[in-house]
Structures are given as structure tokens and as C-alpha cells.
């Protein structure tokens, strides 16, 4: 039986750190997922309006088969500059890909990234020609540690989940044979994370130990086919996105990591209704830190890990929104 890890966050996966930074005036933020060593990475993009960087480099037939970090950012297209800051800092440390190492030739850090739209959340966006994201990326990298802050933190700081406050969520599972699977997500969805007319999260069947409130639907409740509940009323193109990273310490090939990411996307379908719409830019990255061998038979165990990743991602969505709601409720009027 799988149980949550020590922190119930992405950093339960051995070999991973997470850094988060926010600009409170702008109401935005950045999250950096930093492996101790270059890690196999894949991506699955389902939303109709994604904003990404270096995702083409992650296909299984390309030259580069590992990355130096993954960046999630607010700021819509401006937020992609967060990865520039991370690349500059890691490159200065000598971390990156070198086709033919040579004196005086810089390495090239491989930093895939995805962004969410938080430009209309009321923060001060009068940044002129100096958006804050490059510096936020560097700050998030410098803050990388074993701690993951939930709710209004990192890239989820200024997010909205339907008509509710969005945020950053995370969850983990450790299997009986010692493999860890975990997810981190920044929820800025068009769809609702709760059932119509209630505070029950769609992800409630996967909740463990009341981690997002323990609220349950009334007996006999069923979902009205076209009642989306607390979804956004006036969505716009590229204005809604759920961006996430799932990870495991099992050794995966690039092709296996891609299947891992594809299976994990089902976690968003369990936790958000509707999801993967034309208005969303949903992106899920998958990382393998390769701390332990994938058990045999490989195909069966990959399916097993993918299913656990979907469970973790569904729980992470609800945990992030629940934490943001609790933070808002605790603020003085």
C-alpha cells in the first residue's frame, strides 16, 4: 500500500529541491524544480492555449535527454523570462549540457518552462521594459530547498482556480517497495475544483487523512451534466492554465517519462471540471531522478507509477486551492 511521504510534497522524491519566490506588489511568482543531478524529463501538453519553453527538446528522439531544472511561472508570456534567470545562474556554476566541452565555451543549461496567466489579478503590472520574472527566477533558484510552501506561493501566488483563489499544491506517495512518486501543481484553471453549490473538492475520493478539509458530498449527489459550478464566467484565450511537475526516483527512459506524464494528466481530469479547454494551457512535466531501478516487468510498473502520479496530481490540486482558501480566511479584514 502506498502512503504519503514525510512532507507530502514533491521534495519527498530523493534528488529534488524546490525554490519559490514572489513579488507581492505585482501579485505573481515563480517556482523552480531543481534536481541534484541532470534528470530525464518529458512533457505532456493538453490545454488549447499553452505557453512553454524548450518543450520540443524533450521529445524522445532529440539530442538532449536530461534537464538542469524545470521552471513554472506566472506572468503569461513575460514569465518565460524566469527561465533565462535560472539558466544564467546555473550556467555561471558550470551546470548544463556541453556537446563538446572546451575551455572558454559556456555550457548550455536546459531549462524547460511553462507559464500561467495572472496579469489581470489586480497587482501592479506597470513594469515598463523591466518585468520582474528574470530576477524572480534567480531568487527562486537561490531559495531551492526541501520545503514546498502551499497556497499563495511561487508560481501559484496570483492564480485563480475557477472563481476561487488558486495556488500551489503538492502531494506524494511512497510505495511498499520504496518507490516515491510526487506532484507539484500551480492551479489557475478555467474550470472549478469544487462540486456545484458546495465546498466538496472533485478530488475528494483520493484525499488522504483530511489533507484538504475532509468534506464529502451528500449521499446520492450526482453531477448535473452542464453545471460547472465555480468556473470562471468570462474566460479568455491563454488566461487559464494549470501547470505541474510530477516526479519519481525510479529510473525512466525519455519515452517512459513521456508515458508517465500522459498518465498523470488524468489527475487534472479528476480534480478540475472542465479541464483541457480551449481557454487553458495545461502542461505537465515529468522528472526521473533515477535513484533506484524501475522494477520488472517495466511496462507493468510504469503503469503503476503513472496511476499513482495521477492520484498525487489530483490531491495536489485540491491541497493547493484549500491552502490558498485557508490563507485568505486567516487574513485580517
C-alpha atoms as a PDB file:
ATOM      1  CA  UNK A   1       0.000   0.000   0.000  1.00  0.00           C
ATOM      2  CA  UNK A   2       1.309   3.462  -0.888  1.00  0.00           C
ATOM      3  CA  UNK A   3       1.308   6.192   1.768  1.00  0.00           C
ATOM      4  CA  UNK A   4       2.262   9.903   1.696  1.00  0.00           C
ATOM      5  CA  UNK A   5       5.937  10.690   2.157  1.00  0.00           C
ATOM      6  CA  UNK A   6       7.470  12.606   5.035  1.00  0.00           C
ATOM      7  CA  UNK A   7       6.498  16.076   3.767  1.00  0.00           C
ATOM      8  CA  UNK A   8       3.686  15.035   1.391  1.00  0.00           C
ATOM      9  CA  UNK A   9       5.314  17.228  -1.274  1.00  0.00           C
ATOM     10  CA  UNK A  10       7.466  16.959  -4.392  1.00  0.00           C
ATOM     11  CA  UNK A  11      10.695  17.054  -2.397  1.00  0.00           C
ATOM     12  CA  UNK A  12       9.918  13.641  -0.930  1.00  0.00           C
ATOM     13  CA  UNK A  13      11.412  12.400  -4.218  1.00  0.00           C
ATOM     14  CA  UNK A  14      15.121  11.879  -3.457  1.00  0.00           C
ATOM     15  CA  UNK A  15      17.330  14.172  -5.520  1.00  0.00           C
ATOM     16  CA  UNK A  16      14.878  17.077  -5.895  1.00  0.00           C
ATOM     17  CA  UNK A  17      14.686  20.552  -4.385  1.00  0.00           C
ATOM     18  CA  UNK A  18      12.067  23.268  -4.931  1.00  0.00           C
ATOM     19  CA  UNK A  19      12.555  27.027  -4.839  1.00  0.00           C
ATOM     20  CA  UNK A  20       9.756  29.625  -4.728  1.00  0.00           C
ATOM     21  CA  UNK A  21       9.793  33.411  -4.988  1.00  0.00           C
ATOM     22  CA  UNK A  22       7.037  36.037  -5.129  1.00  0.00           C
ATOM     23  CA  UNK A  23       6.601  39.710  -5.918  1.00  0.00           C
ATOM     24  CA  UNK A  24       3.812  40.784  -3.581  1.00  0.00           C
ATOM     25  CA  UNK A  25       3.209  44.123  -5.305  1.00  0.00           C
ATOM     26  CA  UNK A  26       2.868  42.530  -8.728  1.00  0.00           C
ATOM     27  CA  UNK A  27       0.959  39.540  -7.240  1.00  0.00           C
ATOM     28  CA  UNK A  28       2.954  36.953  -9.136  1.00  0.00           C
ATOM     29  CA  UNK A  29       5.655  34.395  -8.565  1.00  0.00           C
ATOM     30  CA  UNK A  30       8.000  31.703  -9.848  1.00  0.00           C
ATOM     31  CA  UNK A  31       8.707  28.097  -8.876  1.00  0.00           C
ATOM     32  CA  UNK A  32      11.912  26.239  -9.758  1.00  0.00           C
ATOM     33  CA  UNK A  33      12.213  22.447  -9.543  1.00  0.00           C
ATOM     34  CA  UNK A  34      15.929  21.676  -9.202  1.00  0.00           C
ATOM     35  CA  UNK A  35      17.376  18.166  -9.467  1.00  0.00           C
ATOM     36  CA  UNK A  36      20.669  17.479  -7.707  1.00  0.00           C
ATOM     37  CA  UNK A  37      21.927  15.960 -10.971  1.00  0.00           C
ATOM     38  CA  UNK A  38      20.679  16.398 -14.532  1.00  0.00           C
ATOM     39  CA  UNK A  39      17.408  14.437 -14.782  1.00  0.00           C
ATOM     40  CA  UNK A  40      15.412  12.762 -17.521  1.00  0.00           C
ATOM     41  CA  UNK A  41      12.394  14.917 -18.326  1.00  0.00           C
ATOM     42  CA  UNK A  42       9.306  14.677 -20.534  1.00  0.00           C
ATOM     43  CA  UNK A  43       6.213  16.803 -21.040  1.00  0.00           C
ATOM     44  CA  UNK A  44       2.554  16.408 -21.962  1.00  0.00           C
ATOM     45  CA  UNK A  45       0.604  19.451 -23.185  1.00  0.00           C
ATOM     46  CA  UNK A  46      -3.204  19.234 -23.207  1.00  0.00           C
ATOM     47  CA  UNK A  47      -4.515  22.794 -22.981  1.00  0.00           C
ATOM     48  CA  UNK A  48      -5.619  24.792 -26.006  1.00  0.00           C
ATOM     49  CA  UNK A  49      -3.503  27.851 -25.153  1.00  0.00           C
ATOM     50  CA  UNK A  50      -0.153  26.773 -23.673  1.00  0.00           C
ATOM     51  CA  UNK A  51       2.895  28.966 -23.084  1.00  0.00           C
ATOM     52  CA  UNK A  52       6.107  26.954 -22.914  1.00  0.00           C
ATOM     53  CA  UNK A  53       9.881  26.974 -23.436  1.00  0.00           C
ATOM     54  CA  UNK A  54      12.129  24.136 -24.665  1.00  0.00           C
ATOM     55  CA  UNK A  55       9.383  21.514 -24.695  1.00  0.00           C
ATOM     56  CA  UNK A  56      10.382  20.414 -28.224  1.00  0.00           C
ATOM     57  CA  UNK A  57      13.787  19.433 -26.818  1.00  0.00           C
ATOM     58  CA  UNK A  58      12.087  16.877 -24.557  1.00  0.00           C
ATOM     59  CA  UNK A  59      10.875  14.501 -27.264  1.00  0.00           C
ATOM     60  CA  UNK A  60      12.459  11.060 -27.065  1.00  0.00           C
ATOM     61  CA  UNK A  61      14.273  11.362 -30.421  1.00  0.00           C
ATOM     62  CA  UNK A  62      16.145  14.603 -29.702  1.00  0.00           C
ATOM     63  CA  UNK A  63      19.785  15.104 -28.700  1.00  0.00           C
ATOM     64  CA  UNK A  64      19.263  16.223 -25.106  1.00  0.00           C
ATOM     65  CA  UNK A  65      17.902  13.521 -22.794  1.00  0.00           C
ATOM     66  CA  UNK A  66      18.138  15.338 -19.436  1.00  0.00           C
ATOM     67  CA  UNK A  67      17.419  18.778 -17.988  1.00  0.00           C
ATOM     68  CA  UNK A  68      19.024  21.006 -15.380  1.00  0.00           C
ATOM     69  CA  UNK A  69      15.820  22.470 -13.900  1.00  0.00           C
ATOM     70  CA  UNK A  70      12.121  22.999 -14.618  1.00  0.00           C
ATOM     71  CA  UNK A  71      10.557  26.438 -14.214  1.00  0.00           C
ATOM     72  CA  UNK A  72       6.887  27.260 -13.582  1.00  0.00           C
ATOM     73  CA  UNK A  73       5.952  30.938 -13.651  1.00  0.00           C
ATOM     74  CA  UNK A  74       3.164  33.457 -13.501  1.00  0.00           C
ATOM     75  CA  UNK A  75       3.187  36.402 -15.870  1.00  0.00           C
ATOM     76  CA  UNK A  76       1.891  34.854 -19.086  1.00  0.00           C
ATOM     77  CA  UNK A  77       4.477  35.259 -21.871  1.00  0.00           C
ATOM     78  CA  UNK A  78       6.524  37.644 -19.722  1.00  0.00           C
ATOM     79  CA  UNK A  79       7.030  34.808 -17.252  1.00  0.00           C
ATOM     80  CA  UNK A  80       9.095  32.755 -19.674  1.00  0.00           C
ATOM     81  CA  UNK A  81      11.968  35.112 -18.825  1.00  0.00           C
ATOM     82  CA  UNK A  82      12.171  33.408 -15.412  1.00  0.00           C
ATOM     83  CA  UNK A  83      13.934  30.525 -17.139  1.00  0.00           C
ATOM     84  CA  UNK A  84      16.513  32.992 -18.517  1.00  0.00           C
ATOM     85  CA  UNK A  85      17.454  33.945 -14.969  1.00  0.00           C
ATOM     86  CA  UNK A  86      17.719  30.294 -13.919  1.00  0.00           C
ATOM     87  CA  UNK A  87      19.808  29.457 -16.990  1.00  0.00           C
ATOM     88  CA  UNK A  88      22.180  32.357 -16.298  1.00  0.00           C
ATOM     89  CA  UNK A  89      22.712  31.316 -12.680  1.00  0.00           C
ATOM     90  CA  UNK A  90      23.188  27.613 -13.432  1.00  0.00           C
ATOM     91  CA  UNK A  91      25.446  28.358 -16.391  1.00  0.00           C
ATOM     92  CA  UNK A  92      27.649  30.521 -14.161  1.00  0.00           C
ATOM     93  CA  UNK A  93      28.008  27.486 -11.889  1.00  0.00           C
ATOM     94  CA  UNK A  94      29.053  25.326 -14.839  1.00  0.00           C
ATOM     95  CA  UNK A  95      25.810  23.313 -14.831  1.00  0.00           C
ATOM     96  CA  UNK A  96      24.402  22.464 -18.232  1.00  0.00           C
ATOM     97  CA  UNK A  97      24.786  20.496 -21.445  1.00  0.00           C
ATOM     98  CA  UNK A  98      28.077  20.511 -23.332  1.00  0.00           C
ATOM     99  CA  UNK A  99      28.180  18.800 -26.724  1.00  0.00           C
ATOM    100  CA  UNK A 100      31.986  19.057 -26.904  1.00  0.00           C
ATOM    101  CA  UNK A 101      33.422  20.512 -23.680  1.00  0.00           C
ATOM    102  CA  UNK A 102      36.158  23.035 -24.381  1.00  0.00           C
ATOM    103  CA  UNK A 103      37.900  25.792 -22.410  1.00  0.00           C
ATOM    104  CA  UNK A 104      36.151  29.129 -22.750  1.00  0.00           C
ATOM    105  CA  UNK A 105      32.970  27.616 -24.211  1.00  0.00           C
ATOM    106  CA  UNK A 106      29.958  28.006 -21.857  1.00  0.00           C
ATOM    107  CA  UNK A 107      27.732  25.044 -21.135  1.00  0.00           C
ATOM    108  CA  UNK A 108      24.066  25.338 -22.093  1.00  0.00           C
ATOM    109  CA  UNK A 109      21.637  24.776 -19.211  1.00  0.00           C
ATOM    110  CA  UNK A 110      18.480  23.029 -20.410  1.00  0.00           C
ATOM    111  CA  UNK A 111      15.551  24.705 -18.632  1.00  0.00           C
ATOM    112  CA  UNK A 112      12.062  23.793 -19.881  1.00  0.00           C
ATOM    113  CA  UNK A 113       9.367  26.107 -18.571  1.00  0.00           C
ATOM    114  CA  UNK A 114       5.632  26.768 -18.602  1.00  0.00           C
ATOM    115  CA  UNK A 115       3.630  29.834 -17.646  1.00  0.00           C
ATOM    116  CA  UNK A 116       0.184  30.719 -16.328  1.00  0.00           C
ATOM    117  CA  UNK A 117      -1.832  33.906 -16.808  1.00  0.00           C
ATOM    118  CA  UNK A 118      -2.106  36.170 -13.754  1.00  0.00           C
ATOM    119  CA  UNK A 119      -1.933  39.572 -15.442  1.00  0.00           C
ATOM    120  CA  UNK A 120      -5.500  40.607 -14.540  1.00  0.00           C
ATOM    121  CA  UNK A 121      -5.404  39.854 -10.806  1.00  0.00           C
ATOM    122  CA  UNK A 122      -5.079  43.461  -9.632  1.00  0.00           C
ATOM    123  CA  UNK A 123      -1.349  43.588  -8.990  1.00  0.00           C
ATOM    124  CA  UNK A 124       0.890  46.422 -10.166  1.00  0.00           C
ATOM    125  CA  UNK A 125       1.885  45.391 -13.676  1.00  0.00           C
ATOM    126  CA  UNK A 126       3.358  48.781 -14.666  1.00  0.00           C
ATOM    127  CA  UNK A 127       6.827  47.323 -15.101  1.00  0.00           C
ATOM    128  CA  UNK A 128       7.595  49.007 -18.431  1.00  0.00           C
ATOM    129  CA  UNK A 129      10.618  47.335 -20.030  1.00  0.00           C
ATOM    130  CA  UNK A 130      11.674  45.529 -16.847  1.00  0.00           C
ATOM    131  CA  UNK A 131       9.255  42.717 -15.970  1.00  0.00           C
ATOM    132  CA  UNK A 132      10.294  41.037 -12.703  1.00  0.00           C
ATOM    133  CA  UNK A 133      10.487  37.468 -13.929  1.00  0.00           C
ATOM    134  CA  UNK A 134      14.201  37.098 -14.677  1.00  0.00           C
ATOM    135  CA  UNK A 135      15.027  38.224 -11.155  1.00  0.00           C
ATOM    136  CA  UNK A 136      12.232  36.115  -9.680  1.00  0.00           C
ATOM    137  CA  UNK A 137      13.667  33.072 -11.456  1.00  0.00           C
ATOM    138  CA  UNK A 138      17.089  33.729  -9.933  1.00  0.00           C
ATOM    139  CA  UNK A 139      15.548  34.290  -6.493  1.00  0.00           C
ATOM    140  CA  UNK A 140      13.524  31.082  -6.683  1.00  0.00           C
ATOM    141  CA  UNK A 141      16.618  29.121  -7.696  1.00  0.00           C
ATOM    142  CA  UNK A 142      18.606  30.594  -4.809  1.00  0.00           C
ATOM    143  CA  UNK A 143      15.803  29.562  -2.428  1.00  0.00           C
ATOM    144  CA  UNK A 144      15.750  25.913  -3.554  1.00  0.00           C
ATOM    145  CA  UNK A 145      15.427  23.571  -0.569  1.00  0.00           C
ATOM    146  CA  UNK A 146      13.421  20.651   0.743  1.00  0.00           C
ATOM    147  CA  UNK A 147      10.499  22.910   1.711  1.00  0.00           C
ATOM    148  CA  UNK A 148       7.463  23.432  -0.535  1.00  0.00           C
ATOM    149  CA  UNK A 149       5.072  26.199   0.515  1.00  0.00           C
ATOM    150  CA  UNK A 150       1.453  25.587  -0.445  1.00  0.00           C
ATOM    151  CA  UNK A 151      -1.298  28.025  -1.382  1.00  0.00           C
ATOM    152  CA  UNK A 152      -0.294  31.507  -2.477  1.00  0.00           C
ATOM    153  CA  UNK A 153       3.342  30.694  -3.083  1.00  0.00           C
ATOM    154  CA  UNK A 154       5.699  30.585  -6.045  1.00  0.00           C
ATOM    155  CA  UNK A 155       4.087  30.447  -9.470  1.00  0.00           C
ATOM    156  CA  UNK A 156       0.662  29.931  -7.890  1.00  0.00           C
ATOM    157  CA  UNK A 157       0.821  33.161  -5.870  1.00  0.00           C
ATOM    158  CA  UNK A 158      -1.533  35.169  -8.096  1.00  0.00           C
ATOM    159  CA  UNK A 159      -3.576  32.311  -9.566  1.00  0.00           C
ATOM    160  CA  UNK A 160      -7.337  31.754  -9.676  1.00  0.00           C
ATOM    161  CA  UNK A 161      -8.971  28.319  -9.732  1.00  0.00           C
ATOM    162  CA  UNK A 162     -12.244  28.961 -11.459  1.00  0.00           C
ATOM    163  CA  UNK A 163     -13.876  31.711  -9.405  1.00  0.00           C
ATOM    164  CA  UNK A 164     -11.931  30.667  -6.288  1.00  0.00           C
ATOM    165  CA  UNK A 165      -8.436  31.608  -5.231  1.00  0.00           C
ATOM    166  CA  UNK A 166      -5.877  29.344  -6.867  1.00  0.00           C
ATOM    167  CA  UNK A 167      -2.465  28.386  -5.618  1.00  0.00           C
ATOM    168  CA  UNK A 168       0.386  25.919  -5.391  1.00  0.00           C
ATOM    169  CA  UNK A 169      -0.295  22.363  -4.271  1.00  0.00           C
ATOM    170  CA  UNK A 170       1.816  19.275  -3.788  1.00  0.00           C
ATOM    171  CA  UNK A 171       1.393  15.652  -2.723  1.00  0.00           C
ATOM    172  CA  UNK A 172       3.417  12.460  -2.597  1.00  0.00           C
ATOM    173  CA  UNK A 173       3.145   8.684  -2.255  1.00  0.00           C
ATOM    174  CA  UNK A 174       5.742   6.096  -1.271  1.00  0.00           C
ATOM    175  CA  UNK A 175       5.042   2.523  -2.342  1.00  0.00           C
ATOM    176  CA  UNK A 176       5.521  -0.568  -0.204  1.00  0.00           C
ATOM    177  CA  UNK A 177       8.615  -1.414  -2.264  1.00  0.00           C
ATOM    178  CA  UNK A 178      10.118   2.034  -1.630  1.00  0.00           C
ATOM    179  CA  UNK A 179       9.466   3.989  -4.848  1.00  0.00           C
ATOM    180  CA  UNK A 180       8.421   7.609  -4.421  1.00  0.00           C
ATOM    181  CA  UNK A 181       6.003   9.436  -6.735  1.00  0.00           C
ATOM    182  CA  UNK A 182       5.023  13.081  -6.179  1.00  0.00           C
ATOM    183  CA  UNK A 183       3.421  16.084  -7.833  1.00  0.00           C
ATOM    184  CA  UNK A 184       3.599  19.863  -7.641  1.00  0.00           C
ATOM    185  CA  UNK A 185       0.955  21.984  -9.354  1.00  0.00           C
ATOM    186  CA  UNK A 186       0.061  25.658  -9.799  1.00  0.00           C
ATOM    187  CA  UNK A 187      -3.708  25.892 -10.281  1.00  0.00           C
ATOM    188  CA  UNK A 188      -5.044  28.719 -12.433  1.00  0.00           C
ATOM    189  CA  UNK A 189      -7.832  26.812 -14.143  1.00  0.00           C
ATOM    190  CA  UNK A 190     -10.906  27.932 -16.074  1.00  0.00           C
ATOM    191  CA  UNK A 191     -12.792  25.004 -14.554  1.00  0.00           C
ATOM    192  CA  UNK A 192     -13.949  24.548 -10.982  1.00  0.00           C
ATOM    193  CA  UNK A 193     -12.143  22.431  -8.402  1.00  0.00           C
ATOM    194  CA  UNK A 194     -15.301  22.000  -6.300  1.00  0.00           C
ATOM    195  CA  UNK A 195     -18.689  20.416  -6.921  1.00  0.00           C
ATOM    196  CA  UNK A 196     -21.539  22.809  -7.799  1.00  0.00           C
ATOM    197  CA  UNK A 197     -23.094  24.511  -4.793  1.00  0.00           C
ATOM    198  CA  UNK A 198     -20.638  23.054  -2.285  1.00  0.00           C
ATOM    199  CA  UNK A 199     -17.133  23.121  -0.837  1.00  0.00           C
ATOM    200  CA  UNK A 200     -16.537  19.488  -1.783  1.00  0.00           C
ATOM    201  CA  UNK A 201     -13.476  19.072  -3.969  1.00  0.00           C
ATOM    202  CA  UNK A 202     -13.848  16.969  -7.085  1.00  0.00           C
ATOM    203  CA  UNK A 203     -10.686  15.185  -5.899  1.00  0.00           C
ATOM    204  CA  UNK A 204     -12.305  14.041  -2.634  1.00  0.00           C
ATOM    205  CA  UNK A 205     -12.167  10.273  -3.423  1.00  0.00           C
ATOM    206  CA  UNK A 206      -8.347  10.457  -3.439  1.00  0.00           C
ATOM    207  CA  UNK A 207      -7.961  12.522  -0.247  1.00  0.00           C
ATOM    208  CA  UNK A 208      -5.715  11.049   2.459  1.00  0.00           C
ATOM    209  CA  UNK A 209      -6.105  11.896   6.162  1.00  0.00           C
ATOM    210  CA  UNK A 210      -8.216  15.020   5.599  1.00  0.00           C
ATOM    211  CA  UNK A 211      -5.381  16.785   3.752  1.00  0.00           C
ATOM    212  CA  UNK A 212      -7.777  19.236   2.084  1.00  0.00           C
ATOM    213  CA  UNK A 213     -10.573  19.503   4.603  1.00  0.00           C
ATOM    214  CA  UNK A 214     -12.276  16.135   4.559  1.00  0.00           C
ATOM    215  CA  UNK A 215     -15.587  17.477   3.175  1.00  0.00           C
ATOM    216  CA  UNK A 216     -17.757  14.851   1.459  1.00  0.00           C
ATOM    217  CA  UNK A 217     -20.754  15.047  -0.907  1.00  0.00           C
ATOM    218  CA  UNK A 218     -24.258  14.338   0.351  1.00  0.00           C
ATOM    219  CA  UNK A 219     -25.488  10.768  -0.187  1.00  0.00           C
ATOM    220  CA  UNK A 220     -26.940  10.314  -3.656  1.00  0.00           C
ATOM    221  CA  UNK A 221     -25.387  13.502  -5.081  1.00  0.00           C
ATOM    222  CA  UNK A 222     -24.664  13.396  -8.803  1.00  0.00           C
ATOM    223  CA  UNK A 223     -23.079  15.944 -11.131  1.00  0.00           C
ATOM    224  CA  UNK A 224     -25.506  17.887 -13.378  1.00  0.00           C
ATOM    225  CA  UNK A 225     -24.177  17.457 -16.929  1.00  0.00           C
ATOM    226  CA  UNK A 226     -23.732  21.166 -17.715  1.00  0.00           C
ATOM    227  CA  UNK A 227     -23.396  22.693 -14.269  1.00  0.00           C
ATOM    228  CA  UNK A 228     -19.695  23.502 -13.855  1.00  0.00           C
ATOM    229  CA  UNK A 229     -20.121  25.206 -10.514  1.00  0.00           C
ATOM    230  CA  UNK A 230     -17.464  27.781  -9.639  1.00  0.00           C
ATOM    231  CA  UNK A 231     -15.820  28.005 -13.071  1.00  0.00           C
ATOM    232  CA  UNK A 232     -14.664  31.353 -14.458  1.00  0.00           C
ATOM    233  CA  UNK A 233     -17.519  33.260 -16.065  1.00  0.00           C
ATOM    234  CA  UNK A 234     -15.672  35.100 -18.859  1.00  0.00           C
ATOM    235  CA  UNK A 235     -12.624  33.076 -19.883  1.00  0.00           C
ATOM    236  CA  UNK A 236     -10.214  34.420 -22.457  1.00  0.00           C
ATOM    237  CA  UNK A 237      -7.622  32.731 -24.605  1.00  0.00           C
ATOM    238  CA  UNK A 238      -4.389  31.904 -22.702  1.00  0.00           C
ATOM    239  CA  UNK A 239      -5.879  33.301 -19.479  1.00  0.00           C
ATOM    240  CA  UNK A 240      -6.268  29.972 -17.682  1.00  0.00           C
ATOM    241  CA  UNK A 241      -3.695  27.285 -17.065  1.00  0.00           C
ATOM    242  CA  UNK A 242      -2.795  24.505 -14.689  1.00  0.00           C
ATOM    243  CA  UNK A 243       0.941  23.809 -14.838  1.00  0.00           C
ATOM    244  CA  UNK A 244       2.536  20.938 -12.982  1.00  0.00           C
ATOM    245  CA  UNK A 245       5.553  18.729 -12.464  1.00  0.00           C
ATOM    246  CA  UNK A 246       5.383  15.093 -11.412  1.00  0.00           C
ATOM    247  CA  UNK A 247       8.458  13.144 -10.394  1.00  0.00           C
ATOM    248  CA  UNK A 248       9.732   9.763  -9.296  1.00  0.00           C
ATOM    249  CA  UNK A 249      13.007   8.334  -8.070  1.00  0.00           C
ATOM    250  CA  UNK A 250      12.550   5.310 -10.353  1.00  0.00           C
ATOM    251  CA  UNK A 251      14.850   5.332 -13.389  1.00  0.00           C
ATOM    252  CA  UNK A 252      12.848   6.109 -16.528  1.00  0.00           C
ATOM    253  CA  UNK A 253      13.877   6.495 -20.147  1.00  0.00           C
ATOM    254  CA  UNK A 254      12.672   9.625 -22.006  1.00  0.00           C
ATOM    255  CA  UNK A 255       9.914   7.548 -23.647  1.00  0.00           C
ATOM    256  CA  UNK A 256       8.826   6.093 -20.310  1.00  0.00           C
ATOM    257  CA  UNK A 257       8.848   9.557 -18.741  1.00  0.00           C
ATOM    258  CA  UNK A 258       6.540  10.758 -21.520  1.00  0.00           C
ATOM    259  CA  UNK A 259       4.042   7.967 -20.742  1.00  0.00           C
ATOM    260  CA  UNK A 260       4.361   8.860 -17.042  1.00  0.00           C
ATOM    261  CA  UNK A 261       3.385  12.463 -17.859  1.00  0.00           C
ATOM    262  CA  UNK A 262       0.484  11.386 -20.085  1.00  0.00           C
ATOM    263  CA  UNK A 263      -0.976   9.168 -17.376  1.00  0.00           C
ATOM    264  CA  UNK A 264      -0.520  11.875 -14.748  1.00  0.00           C
ATOM    265  CA  UNK A 265      -2.697  14.305 -16.745  1.00  0.00           C
ATOM    266  CA  UNK A 266      -5.687  12.196 -15.690  1.00  0.00           C
ATOM    267  CA  UNK A 267      -5.195  13.668 -12.227  1.00  0.00           C
ATOM    268  CA  UNK A 268      -6.232  17.066 -13.576  1.00  0.00           C
ATOM    269  CA  UNK A 269      -9.377  15.486 -15.056  1.00  0.00           C
ATOM    270  CA  UNK A 270     -10.251  14.088 -11.621  1.00  0.00           C
ATOM    271  CA  UNK A 271      -9.758  17.415  -9.839  1.00  0.00           C
ATOM    272  CA  UNK A 272     -10.964  20.133 -12.274  1.00  0.00           C
ATOM    273  CA  UNK A 273     -14.198  20.382 -14.290  1.00  0.00           C
ATOM    274  CA  UNK A 274     -13.989  21.165 -17.162  1.00  0.00           C
ATOM    275  CA  UNK A 275     -10.281  20.861 -17.968  1.00  0.00           C
ATOM    276  CA  UNK A 276      -8.044  20.931 -21.080  1.00  0.00           C
ATOM    277  CA  UNK A 277     -10.393  23.507 -22.626  1.00  0.00           C
ATOM    278  CA  UNK A 278      -9.552  25.890 -25.493  1.00  0.00           C
ATOM    279  CA  UNK A 279      -9.011  28.535 -22.793  1.00  0.00           C
ATOM    280  CA  UNK A 280      -6.489  26.521 -20.736  1.00  0.00           C
ATOM    281  CA  UNK A 281      -2.764  25.998 -21.284  1.00  0.00           C
ATOM    282  CA  UNK A 282      -2.440  22.812 -19.226  1.00  0.00           C
ATOM    283  CA  UNK A 283       1.108  21.413 -19.133  1.00  0.00           C
ATOM    284  CA  UNK A 284       2.561  18.544 -17.066  1.00  0.00           C
ATOM    285  CA  UNK A 285       6.315  17.908 -16.874  1.00  0.00           C
ATOM    286  CA  UNK A 286       7.679  14.560 -15.661  1.00  0.00           C
ATOM    287  CA  UNK A 287      11.076  14.093 -13.974  1.00  0.00           C
ATOM    288  CA  UNK A 288      13.027  10.967 -13.109  1.00  0.00           C
ATOM    289  CA  UNK A 289      15.894  11.321 -10.630  1.00  0.00           C
ATOM    290  CA  UNK A 290      16.899   7.667 -11.268  1.00  0.00           C
ATOM    291  CA  UNK A 291      17.792   6.933  -7.649  1.00  0.00           C
ATOM    292  CA  UNK A 292      16.538   3.343  -7.979  1.00  0.00           C
ATOM    293  CA  UNK A 293      15.850   0.874 -10.765  1.00  0.00           C
ATOM    294  CA  UNK A 294      12.371   0.567 -12.259  1.00  0.00           C
ATOM    295  CA  UNK A 295      11.206  -2.885 -11.115  1.00  0.00           C
ATOM    296  CA  UNK A 296      10.442  -5.596 -13.640  1.00  0.00           C
ATOM    297  CA  UNK A 297       8.264  -6.084 -15.561  1.00  0.00           C
ATOM    298  CA  UNK A 298       8.942  -2.496 -16.599  1.00  0.00           C
ATOM    299  CA  UNK A 299       5.695  -1.914 -18.502  1.00  0.00           C
ATOM    300  CA  UNK A 300       3.515  -3.007 -15.586  1.00  0.00           C
ATOM    301  CA  UNK A 301       5.439  -0.932 -13.061  1.00  0.00           C
ATOM    302  CA  UNK A 302       5.402   2.122 -15.328  1.00  0.00           C
ATOM    303  CA  UNK A 303       1.606   1.808 -15.487  1.00  0.00           C
ATOM    304  CA  UNK A 304       1.544   1.517 -11.710  1.00  0.00           C
ATOM    305  CA  UNK A 305       3.645   4.656 -11.236  1.00  0.00           C
ATOM    306  CA  UNK A 306       1.593   6.591 -13.777  1.00  0.00           C
ATOM    307  CA  UNK A 307      -1.593   5.747 -11.894  1.00  0.00           C
ATOM    308  CA  UNK A 308      -0.035   6.904  -8.614  1.00  0.00           C
ATOM    309  CA  UNK A 309       1.116  10.124 -10.297  1.00  0.00           C
ATOM    310  CA  UNK A 310      -2.457  10.878 -11.371  1.00  0.00           C
ATOM    311  CA  UNK A 311      -3.619  10.310  -7.792  1.00  0.00           C
ATOM    312  CA  UNK A 312      -0.915  12.650  -6.470  1.00  0.00           C
ATOM    313  CA  UNK A 313      -1.742  15.339  -9.012  1.00  0.00           C
ATOM    314  CA  UNK A 314      -5.467  15.265  -8.174  1.00  0.00           C
ATOM    315  CA  UNK A 315      -4.654  15.589  -4.467  1.00  0.00           C
ATOM    316  CA  UNK A 316      -2.128  18.344  -5.133  1.00  0.00           C
ATOM    317  CA  UNK A 317      -4.736  20.437  -6.985  1.00  0.00           C
ATOM    318  CA  UNK A 318      -7.147  20.296  -4.054  1.00  0.00           C
ATOM    319  CA  UNK A 319      -4.384  20.844  -1.476  1.00  0.00           C
ATOM    320  CA  UNK A 320      -3.187  23.981  -3.270  1.00  0.00           C
ATOM    321  CA  UNK A 321      -6.621  25.590  -3.536  1.00  0.00           C
ATOM    322  CA  UNK A 322      -7.538  24.550   0.004  1.00  0.00           C
ATOM    323  CA  UNK A 323      -4.345  26.083   1.399  1.00  0.00           C
ATOM    324  CA  UNK A 324      -4.940  29.325  -0.508  1.00  0.00           C
ATOM    325  CA  UNK A 325      -8.507  29.496   0.817  1.00  0.00           C
ATOM    326  CA  UNK A 326      -7.319  28.988   4.381  1.00  0.00           C
ATOM    327  CA  UNK A 327      -4.675  31.710   3.955  1.00  0.00           C
ATOM    328  CA  UNK A 328      -7.291  34.134   2.634  1.00  0.00           C
ATOM    329  CA  UNK A 329      -9.653  33.335   5.513  1.00  0.00           C
ATOM    330  CA  UNK A 330      -6.894  33.994   8.043  1.00  0.00           C
ATOM    331  CA  UNK A 331      -6.108  37.473   6.690  1.00  0.00           C
ATOM    332  CA  UNK A 332      -7.404  40.434   8.711  1.00  0.00           C
ATOM    333  CA  UNK A 333     -10.403  42.218   7.223  1.00  0.00           C
END
